[in-house]
């Protein structure tokens, strides 16, 4: 088992990958550096190998698929996940590793947004998107994570081996953050320096299509992890609509003794039934989610035992 593993998912990063690996060798000389090439059409894999990294390959396209492969294949006390585009400084690596190994953090988030990101990043929609995602998740999940979508993180063995990777693309960072918050894992923020990609290096993140995927991921995970809040809110909206249709009919009935709008009354009744169904759905799913959290804690104990056995 490695003490520290630096994980670098890469797709066409020949311009920067050599420097990234050399920087990590300088700041964490004892770490094992893994580069996972994701169908690059340039010399990324070749240059990474020359720079001294262990190079492996993932044929299924998408960052989520690469991270799934990394977590399955690599055993380490501490995982440091970083992009291969030289936007994150390796100088923060030793402190992040220390927070995992010595302070028992399960996830250390490299916080760009509290540092130089908004000044260095030249893509304004990315600035807006990051701020909106951060605000949405912190409000929905009652937390205080400063940078949701950062690609710079340090992770514990327990997190890496217990995290069920479902996302295929760039929405993986959002999924990792919400999972850690929901499972009450030890999440810490560390403010880091950020610099934009060097000229000629192109981002693989599509502002609009990947942004829509991230929003969809937040919606899906909110429904799955907070079902009572999700379905309870839906029930409240449906009940309000039903009452807005029913009350005028009721007032007319009190005045005239007649029910003039039977179709509206019937629709109002069906909407009210939907509200009741939604409420009980949320209660049922909340119980299931609570049971899953209990089972997750048991899985952590099993993983801890497996880790101790591997060390001995």
Foldseek 3Di string as FASTA:
>chain_A
DAAEEEEEEDAAQVVFQLVVLVQLCVQPVRYAYEYEYAPHPDCNQVSNVVSPHHYHYDPQDAPLSSLLVVLVPDAYQKYKFAYRQPFFGSNCVVVQSCCCNPVVAAKEAAAAPVDCCVVQDPPVLVVVLQVVLQVVCCVLLVHHDRTQQHRTMMGGNLLSNLQDRDDGHSLRSNSSVLVCSLLVGRYHYDYGHGHDGPPPDDDPDDSPPVSVVNVVVVVVVSCQSQVQVVLLVVLVVLLVVLCVLVVVQVVVCVVPVDRPDVVSNVVSVVSNVSSVVSNVVSVVSVVVNVVVSVVSVVVSVVVVVVVVVVVD
